[in-house]
C-alpha atoms as a PDB file:
ATOM      1  CA  MET A   1      27.140  -2.741  65.925  1.00  0.00           C
ATOM      2  CA  HIS A   2      23.909  -4.073  64.452  1.00  0.00           C
ATOM      3  CA  HIS A   3      23.623  -5.084  60.850  1.00  0.00           C
ATOM      4  CA  PRO A   4      20.869  -3.029  59.089  1.00  0.00           C
ATOM      5  CA  SER A   5      18.903  -6.175  58.239  1.00  0.00           C
ATOM      6  CA  SER A   6      18.671  -7.046  61.938  1.00  0.00           C
ATOM      7  CA  LEU A   7      16.693  -3.835  62.451  1.00  0.00           C
ATOM      8  CA  LEU A   8      13.878  -5.010  60.198  1.00  0.00           C
ATOM      9  CA  LEU A   9      10.732  -5.616  62.163  1.00  0.00           C
ATOM     10  CA  LEU A  10       8.201  -8.221  61.259  1.00  0.00           C
ATOM     11  CA  SER A  11       4.668  -7.039  60.918  1.00  0.00           C
ATOM     12  CA  TRP A  12       1.477  -9.027  60.677  1.00  0.00           C
ATOM     13  CA  LEU A  13      -1.384  -8.518  58.263  1.00  0.00           C
ATOM     14  CA  LEU A  14      -4.988  -9.410  58.985  1.00  0.00           C
ATOM     15  CA  LEU A  15      -6.349 -10.692  55.697  1.00  0.00           C
ATOM     16  CA  ILE A  16     -10.010 -11.440  55.066  1.00  0.00           C
ATOM     17  CA  PRO A  17     -11.199 -13.474  52.101  1.00  0.00           C
ATOM     18  CA  PRO A  18     -12.702 -11.808  49.044  1.00  0.00           C
ATOM     19  CA  SER A  19     -16.374 -12.348  48.379  1.00  0.00           C
ATOM     20  CA  SER A  20     -17.934 -13.467  45.171  1.00  0.00           C
ATOM     21  CA  TYR A  21     -21.484 -14.073  44.048  1.00  0.00           C
ATOM     22  CA  ASP A  22     -22.358 -17.686  43.457  1.00  0.00           C
ATOM     23  CA  SER A  23     -25.687 -18.395  41.794  1.00  0.00           C
ATOM     24  CA  THR A  24     -25.968 -21.716  43.636  1.00  0.00           C
ATOM     25  CA  TRP A  25     -26.242 -19.735  46.882  1.00  0.00           C
ATOM     26  CA  GLY A  26     -28.801 -17.228  45.584  1.00  0.00           C
ATOM     27  CA  THR A  27     -28.210 -13.691  46.804  1.00  0.00           C
ATOM     28  CA  GLY A  28     -25.862 -14.679  49.638  1.00  0.00           C
ATOM     29  CA  LYS A  29     -22.165 -13.963  49.634  1.00  0.00           C
ATOM     30  CA  VAL A  30     -19.581 -16.678  49.299  1.00  0.00           C
ATOM     31  CA  PHE A  31     -16.170 -16.030  50.797  1.00  0.00           C
ATOM     32  CA  ASP A  32     -13.590 -17.484  48.481  1.00  0.00           C
ATOM     33  CA  THR A  33     -10.932 -18.955  50.773  1.00  0.00           C
ATOM     34  CA  ASP A  34      -9.423 -20.834  47.822  1.00  0.00           C
ATOM     35  CA  LYS A  35      -8.105 -17.640  46.213  1.00  0.00           C
ATOM     36  CA  PRO A  36      -4.406 -16.918  46.753  1.00  0.00           C
ATOM     37  CA  LEU A  37      -3.681 -14.715  49.789  1.00  0.00           C
ATOM     38  CA  SER A  38      -2.439 -12.004  47.414  1.00  0.00           C
ATOM     39  CA  GLU A  39      -6.108 -11.513  46.435  1.00  0.00           C
ATOM     40  CA  TRP A  40      -7.419 -11.312  50.010  1.00  0.00           C
ATOM     41  CA  ILE A  41      -8.327  -7.940  51.563  1.00  0.00           C
ATOM     42  CA  ASN A  42      -5.923  -6.315  54.033  1.00  0.00           C
ATOM     43  CA  ALA A  43      -8.006  -5.453  57.116  1.00  0.00           C
ATOM     44  CA  GLY A  44      -5.082  -4.157  59.192  1.00  0.00           C
ATOM     45  CA  THR A  45      -1.384  -4.279  60.056  1.00  0.00           C
ATOM     46  CA  PHE A  46      -0.133  -5.242  63.513  1.00  0.00           C
ATOM     47  CA  ASP A  47       3.139  -5.521  65.431  1.00  0.00           C
ATOM     48  CA  SER A  48       2.575  -9.100  66.561  1.00  0.00           C
ATOM     49  CA  GLU A  49       0.609 -12.197  65.669  1.00  0.00           C
ATOM     50  CA  ASP A  50      -1.221 -11.968  69.006  1.00  0.00           C
ATOM     51  CA  GLU A  51      -2.357  -8.393  68.263  1.00  0.00           C
ATOM     52  CA  CYS A  52      -3.547  -9.491  64.825  1.00  0.00           C
ATOM     53  CA  ALA A  53      -5.487 -12.457  66.227  1.00  0.00           C
ATOM     54  CA  ALA A  54      -7.060 -10.246  68.902  1.00  0.00           C
ATOM     55  CA  ALA A  55      -8.152  -7.722  66.253  1.00  0.00           C
ATOM     56  CA  ARG A  56      -9.638 -10.506  64.128  1.00  0.00           C
ATOM     57  CA  GLU A  57     -11.675 -11.764  67.091  1.00  0.00           C
ATOM     58  CA  GLN A  58     -12.699  -8.247  68.139  1.00  0.00           C
ATOM     59  CA  ASN A  59     -13.940  -7.479  64.622  1.00  0.00           C
ATOM     60  CA  ARG A  60     -15.775 -10.804  64.470  1.00  0.00           C
ATOM     61  CA  VAL A  61     -17.575 -10.050  67.743  1.00  0.00           C
ATOM     62  CA  ILE A  62     -18.438  -6.478  66.696  1.00  0.00           C
ATOM     63  CA  MET A  63     -19.936  -7.732  63.437  1.00  0.00           C
ATOM     64  CA  ALA A  64     -21.940 -10.365  65.325  1.00  0.00           C
ATOM     65  CA  LEU A  65     -23.319  -7.723  67.700  1.00  0.00           C
ATOM     66  CA  ARG A  66     -24.287  -5.537  64.750  1.00  0.00           C
ATOM     67  CA  GLY A  67     -26.149  -8.435  63.186  1.00  0.00           C
ATOM     68  CA  SER A  68     -23.823  -8.580  60.200  1.00  0.00           C
ATOM     69  CA  GLY A  69     -23.546 -12.343  59.837  1.00  0.00           C
ATOM     70  CA  ASP A  70     -21.717 -12.166  56.532  1.00  0.00           C
ATOM     71  CA  MET A  71     -18.979  -9.946  57.956  1.00  0.00           C
ATOM     72  CA  GLU A  72     -18.810 -11.990  61.160  1.00  0.00           C
ATOM     73  CA  ARG A  73     -18.141 -15.083  59.052  1.00  0.00           C
ATOM     74  CA  ARG A  74     -15.640 -13.196  56.897  1.00  0.00           C
ATOM     75  CA  PHE A  75     -13.568 -12.205  59.957  1.00  0.00           C
ATOM     76  CA  ALA A  76     -13.867 -15.719  61.364  1.00  0.00           C
ATOM     77  CA  LEU A  77     -12.266 -16.966  58.135  1.00  0.00           C
ATOM     78  CA  GLY A  78      -9.557 -14.273  58.296  1.00  0.00           C
ATOM     79  CA  LYS A  79      -5.883 -15.105  58.594  1.00  0.00           C
ATOM     80  CA  CYS A  80      -2.955 -13.423  60.257  1.00  0.00           C
ATOM     81  CA  VAL A  81       0.123 -13.655  58.051  1.00  0.00           C
ATOM     82  CA  SER A  82       3.616 -12.278  58.539  1.00  0.00           C
ATOM     83  CA  LYS A  83       4.703  -9.594  56.135  1.00  0.00           C
END
């Protein structure tokens, strides 16, 4: 017999950093990686760390192909964290 807590499955979140305007950078976006992870944006939930990392890379590549350098950088800075 399995204990109910043993049935809990870990999931992984792909978090991307929030952006904020910084006058020292002009009109560009600054991705604030110093903010606590609780303030980062959830870009997806995955069953494994490998799936999360693959999704982060896939999104980074898609944004690069679309010419969205800011979003490419944002996904490159993303983190996979267990939930």
